[in-house]
Amino acid sequence: MNTPWDPTTPGLLRLPSGRLLRGRGLRNGLPEGQRPTFALYLLGRTPPEVEWESRWVRWPDFRLPADRPAARAALAEALERAETERVELACGGGLGRTGTALACLAVLDGIPGTEAVGYIREHYAPRAVETPWQRRFIRRFR
């Protein structure tokens, strides 16, 4: 088992199950402190090379995932791995796509889709989830 995230890590989200995940914007650079052991990158183009294991979901800015079944599988993997690993989700700014993905993870963790955006805005970032279609995607996410 890996060392869990330090609870003071910036961008950390605790789901109701207790799993911890870090959300961040790649444009902000890598924060000081612990590194992820697994990352899910939500970008319209190939993500940068990193020292840890990662997976890429093609997800253009202000849009939805290009392949929704693949995105759901990647999110399910991230949630499972967060039980024993330091998992990071990241997009360009860390709010729209990352917030949407974190809200989908909250749904997988048991929060109703109608409440997931509010949960993420309260526990991760007040401006997370940027578009009406991202909010609709979360409400319908299973």
C-alpha atoms as a PDB file:
ATOM      1  CA  MET A   1       0.000   0.000   0.000  1.00  0.00           C
ATOM      2  CA  ASN A   2       1.215   3.495  -0.823  1.00  0.00           C
ATOM      3  CA  THR A   3       1.383   6.348   1.641  1.00  0.00           C
ATOM      4  CA  PRO A   4      -1.955   8.199   1.485  1.00  0.00           C
ATOM      5  CA  TRP A   5      -2.257  11.861   0.606  1.00  0.00           C
ATOM      6  CA  ASP A   6      -1.255  14.263   3.356  1.00  0.00           C
ATOM      7  CA  PRO A   7      -4.585  15.824   4.462  1.00  0.00           C
ATOM      8  CA  THR A   8      -3.136  19.340   3.994  1.00  0.00           C
ATOM      9  CA  THR A   9      -2.453  18.724   0.279  1.00  0.00           C
ATOM     10  CA  PRO A  10      -3.887  21.571  -1.854  1.00  0.00           C
ATOM     11  CA  GLY A  11      -6.791  20.507  -4.081  1.00  0.00           C
ATOM     12  CA  LEU A  12      -7.616  17.449  -2.014  1.00  0.00           C
ATOM     13  CA  LEU A  13     -11.164  16.107  -2.074  1.00  0.00           C
ATOM     14  CA  ARG A  14     -12.469  13.626   0.481  1.00  0.00           C
ATOM     15  CA  LEU A  15     -15.379  11.572  -0.811  1.00  0.00           C
ATOM     16  CA  PRO A  16     -18.031  10.235   1.593  1.00  0.00           C
ATOM     17  CA  SER A  17     -16.299   6.818   1.532  1.00  0.00           C
ATOM     18  CA  GLY A  18     -13.145   8.495   2.880  1.00  0.00           C
ATOM     19  CA  ARG A  19     -11.195   8.126  -0.368  1.00  0.00           C
ATOM     20  CA  LEU A  20      -8.932  11.093  -1.087  1.00  0.00           C
ATOM     21  CA  LEU A  21      -8.254  12.439  -4.582  1.00  0.00           C
ATOM     22  CA  ARG A  22      -6.346  15.513  -5.670  1.00  0.00           C
ATOM     23  CA  GLY A  23      -7.705  17.776  -8.365  1.00  0.00           C
ATOM     24  CA  ARG A  24      -5.498  20.362 -10.020  1.00  0.00           C
ATOM     25  CA  GLY A  25      -4.926  22.532 -13.056  1.00  0.00           C
ATOM     26  CA  LEU A  26      -1.892  21.578 -15.117  1.00  0.00           C
ATOM     27  CA  ARG A  27      -1.311  25.250 -16.011  1.00  0.00           C
ATOM     28  CA  ASN A  28      -0.621  25.891 -12.311  1.00  0.00           C
ATOM     29  CA  GLY A  29       2.381  23.549 -12.249  1.00  0.00           C
ATOM     30  CA  LEU A  30       3.088  20.663  -9.939  1.00  0.00           C
ATOM     31  CA  PRO A  31       2.516  21.569  -6.286  1.00  0.00           C
ATOM     32  CA  GLU A  32       5.167  20.995  -3.632  1.00  0.00           C
ATOM     33  CA  GLY A  33       4.896  17.850  -1.565  1.00  0.00           C
ATOM     34  CA  GLN A  34       3.686  14.392  -2.409  1.00  0.00           C
ATOM     35  CA  ARG A  35       3.442  13.184  -5.968  1.00  0.00           C
ATOM     36  CA  PRO A  36       0.571  11.090  -7.253  1.00  0.00           C
ATOM     37  CA  THR A  37       1.066   7.386  -7.870  1.00  0.00           C
ATOM     38  CA  PHE A  38      -1.661   7.454 -10.534  1.00  0.00           C
ATOM     39  CA  ALA A  39      -3.151  10.337 -12.507  1.00  0.00           C
ATOM     40  CA  LEU A  40      -6.085  10.744 -14.835  1.00  0.00           C
ATOM     41  CA  TYR A  41      -5.551  13.562 -17.329  1.00  0.00           C
ATOM     42  CA  LEU A  42      -8.636  15.119 -18.894  1.00  0.00           C
ATOM     43  CA  LEU A  43      -7.350  16.954 -21.950  1.00  0.00           C
ATOM     44  CA  GLY A  44      -8.154  17.542 -25.609  1.00  0.00           C
ATOM     45  CA  ARG A  45      -4.622  16.549 -26.614  1.00  0.00           C
ATOM     46  CA  THR A  46      -1.938  14.189 -25.367  1.00  0.00           C
ATOM     47  CA  PRO A  47      -0.856  15.026 -21.804  1.00  0.00           C
ATOM     48  CA  PRO A  48       2.743  15.733 -20.826  1.00  0.00           C
ATOM     49  CA  GLU A  49       5.006  12.854 -19.784  1.00  0.00           C
ATOM     50  CA  VAL A  50       5.077  12.218 -16.039  1.00  0.00           C
ATOM     51  CA  GLU A  51       7.095  10.027 -13.660  1.00  0.00           C
ATOM     52  CA  TRP A  52       4.018   8.201 -12.335  1.00  0.00           C
ATOM     53  CA  GLU A  53       1.456   5.953 -13.966  1.00  0.00           C
ATOM     54  CA  SER A  54      -1.223   7.880 -15.819  1.00  0.00           C
ATOM     55  CA  ARG A  55      -4.173   7.515 -18.130  1.00  0.00           C
ATOM     56  CA  TRP A  56      -5.536  10.012 -20.646  1.00  0.00           C
ATOM     57  CA  VAL A  57      -9.206  10.717 -21.324  1.00  0.00           C
ATOM     58  CA  ARG A  58      -9.701  12.793 -24.477  1.00  0.00           C
ATOM     59  CA  TRP A  59     -11.826  15.635 -23.147  1.00  0.00           C
ATOM     60  CA  PRO A  60     -11.750  19.006 -24.960  1.00  0.00           C
ATOM     61  CA  ASP A  61     -11.940  22.172 -22.862  1.00  0.00           C
ATOM     62  CA  PHE A  62     -15.509  23.261 -21.941  1.00  0.00           C
ATOM     63  CA  ARG A  63     -16.892  20.051 -23.451  1.00  0.00           C
ATOM     64  CA  LEU A  64     -17.626  16.471 -22.455  1.00  0.00           C
ATOM     65  CA  PRO A  65     -15.486  13.340 -22.871  1.00  0.00           C
ATOM     66  CA  ALA A  66     -15.087  12.258 -26.493  1.00  0.00           C
ATOM     67  CA  ASP A  67     -15.686   8.591 -25.523  1.00  0.00           C
ATOM     68  CA  ARG A  68     -18.099   8.489 -22.604  1.00  0.00           C
ATOM     69  CA  PRO A  69     -17.909   4.727 -21.897  1.00  0.00           C
ATOM     70  CA  ALA A  70     -14.089   4.945 -21.837  1.00  0.00           C
ATOM     71  CA  ALA A  71     -14.286   7.981 -19.542  1.00  0.00           C
ATOM     72  CA  ARG A  72     -16.606   6.134 -17.160  1.00  0.00           C
ATOM     73  CA  ALA A  73     -14.211   3.162 -17.073  1.00  0.00           C
ATOM     74  CA  ALA A  74     -11.259   5.487 -16.384  1.00  0.00           C
ATOM     75  CA  LEU A  75     -13.170   7.221 -13.582  1.00  0.00           C
ATOM     76  CA  ALA A  76     -14.145   3.880 -12.043  1.00  0.00           C
ATOM     77  CA  GLU A  77     -10.471   2.854 -12.149  1.00  0.00           C
ATOM     78  CA  ALA A  78      -9.425   6.131 -10.485  1.00  0.00           C
ATOM     79  CA  LEU A  79     -12.002   5.656  -7.726  1.00  0.00           C
ATOM     80  CA  GLU A  80     -10.885   2.086  -7.093  1.00  0.00           C
ATOM     81  CA  ARG A  81      -7.214   3.052  -7.045  1.00  0.00           C
ATOM     82  CA  ALA A  82      -7.903   5.950  -4.655  1.00  0.00           C
ATOM     83  CA  GLU A  83      -8.606   3.373  -1.966  1.00  0.00           C
ATOM     84  CA  THR A  84      -4.883   2.502  -1.747  1.00  0.00           C
ATOM     85  CA  GLU A  85      -3.049   5.037  -3.960  1.00  0.00           C
ATOM     86  CA  ARG A  86      -2.503   8.781  -4.326  1.00  0.00           C
ATOM     87  CA  VAL A  87      -4.756   9.584  -7.291  1.00  0.00           C
ATOM     88  CA  GLU A  88      -4.793  12.914  -9.110  1.00  0.00           C
ATOM     89  CA  LEU A  89      -7.275  14.210 -11.683  1.00  0.00           C
ATOM     90  CA  ALA A  90      -6.196  17.183 -13.768  1.00  0.00           C
ATOM     91  CA  CYS A  91      -7.156  19.310 -16.743  1.00  0.00           C
ATOM     92  CA  GLY A  92      -5.845  22.670 -17.908  1.00  0.00           C
ATOM     93  CA  GLY A  93      -7.356  24.909 -15.236  1.00  0.00           C
ATOM     94  CA  GLY A  94      -8.551  22.338 -12.692  1.00  0.00           C
ATOM     95  CA  LEU A  95     -12.186  23.489 -12.564  1.00  0.00           C
ATOM     96  CA  GLY A  96     -14.398  22.479 -15.497  1.00  0.00           C
ATOM     97  CA  ARG A  97     -13.291  19.035 -16.615  1.00  0.00           C
ATOM     98  CA  THR A  98     -11.627  18.183 -13.294  1.00  0.00           C
ATOM     99  CA  GLY A  99     -14.663  19.382 -11.332  1.00  0.00           C
ATOM    100  CA  THR A 100     -16.973  17.416 -13.618  1.00  0.00           C
ATOM    101  CA  ALA A 101     -14.873  14.268 -13.245  1.00  0.00           C
ATOM    102  CA  LEU A 102     -14.714  14.676  -9.456  1.00  0.00           C
ATOM    103  CA  ALA A 103     -18.499  15.107  -9.355  1.00  0.00           C
ATOM    104  CA  CYS A 104     -18.879  11.904 -11.389  1.00  0.00           C
ATOM    105  CA  LEU A 105     -16.634  10.142  -8.869  1.00  0.00           C
ATOM    106  CA  ALA A 106     -18.875  11.481  -6.098  1.00  0.00           C
ATOM    107  CA  VAL A 107     -21.835   9.890  -7.902  1.00  0.00           C
ATOM    108  CA  LEU A 108     -19.956   6.573  -8.119  1.00  0.00           C
ATOM    109  CA  ASP A 109     -19.220   6.978  -4.395  1.00  0.00           C
ATOM    110  CA  GLY A 110     -22.927   7.243  -3.580  1.00  0.00           C
ATOM    111  CA  ILE A 111     -23.882  10.923  -3.842  1.00  0.00           C
ATOM    112  CA  PRO A 112     -27.024  11.456  -5.958  1.00  0.00           C
ATOM    113  CA  GLY A 113     -26.313  13.050  -9.340  1.00  0.00           C
ATOM    114  CA  THR A 114     -28.575  15.966  -8.453  1.00  0.00           C
ATOM    115  CA  GLU A 115     -26.373  16.787  -5.429  1.00  0.00           C
ATOM    116  CA  ALA A 116     -22.896  16.050  -6.796  1.00  0.00           C
ATOM    117  CA  VAL A 117     -22.122  19.519  -8.213  1.00  0.00           C
ATOM    118  CA  GLY A 118     -22.998  21.144  -4.889  1.00  0.00           C
ATOM    119  CA  TYR A 119     -20.819  18.639  -3.049  1.00  0.00           C
ATOM    120  CA  ILE A 120     -17.826  19.335  -5.303  1.00  0.00           C
ATOM    121  CA  ARG A 121     -18.297  23.096  -5.093  1.00  0.00           C
ATOM    122  CA  GLU A 122     -18.422  22.903  -1.299  1.00  0.00           C
ATOM    123  CA  HIS A 123     -15.557  20.428  -0.796  1.00  0.00           C
ATOM    124  CA  TYR A 124     -13.247  21.110  -3.776  1.00  0.00           C
ATOM    125  CA  ALA A 125     -13.726  24.483  -5.515  1.00  0.00           C
ATOM    126  CA  PRO A 126     -16.657  26.944  -5.562  1.00  0.00           C
ATOM    127  CA  ARG A 127     -16.321  27.463  -9.347  1.00  0.00           C
ATOM    128  CA  ALA A 128     -15.967  23.763 -10.261  1.00  0.00           C
ATOM    129  CA  VAL A 129     -18.123  22.456 -13.139  1.00  0.00           C
ATOM    130  CA  GLU A 130     -18.363  25.287 -15.633  1.00  0.00           C
ATOM    131  CA  THR A 131     -21.056  24.564 -18.214  1.00  0.00           C
ATOM    132  CA  PRO A 132     -24.734  23.545 -18.291  1.00  0.00           C
ATOM    133  CA  TRP A 133     -23.867  20.430 -20.323  1.00  0.00           C
ATOM    134  CA  GLN A 134     -21.275  19.393 -17.710  1.00  0.00           C
ATOM    135  CA  ARG A 135     -23.945  19.722 -15.005  1.00  0.00           C
ATOM    136  CA  ARG A 136     -26.401  17.688 -17.105  1.00  0.00           C
ATOM    137  CA  PHE A 137     -23.719  15.032 -17.719  1.00  0.00           C
ATOM    138  CA  ILE A 138     -23.228  14.674 -13.954  1.00  0.00           C
ATOM    139  CA  ARG A 139     -26.979  14.474 -13.226  1.00  0.00           C
ATOM    140  CA  ARG A 140     -27.285  11.610 -15.746  1.00  0.00           C
ATOM    141  CA  PHE A 141     -24.011   9.884 -14.821  1.00  0.00           C
ATOM    142  CA  ARG A 142     -24.306   6.256 -13.626  1.00  0.00           C
END
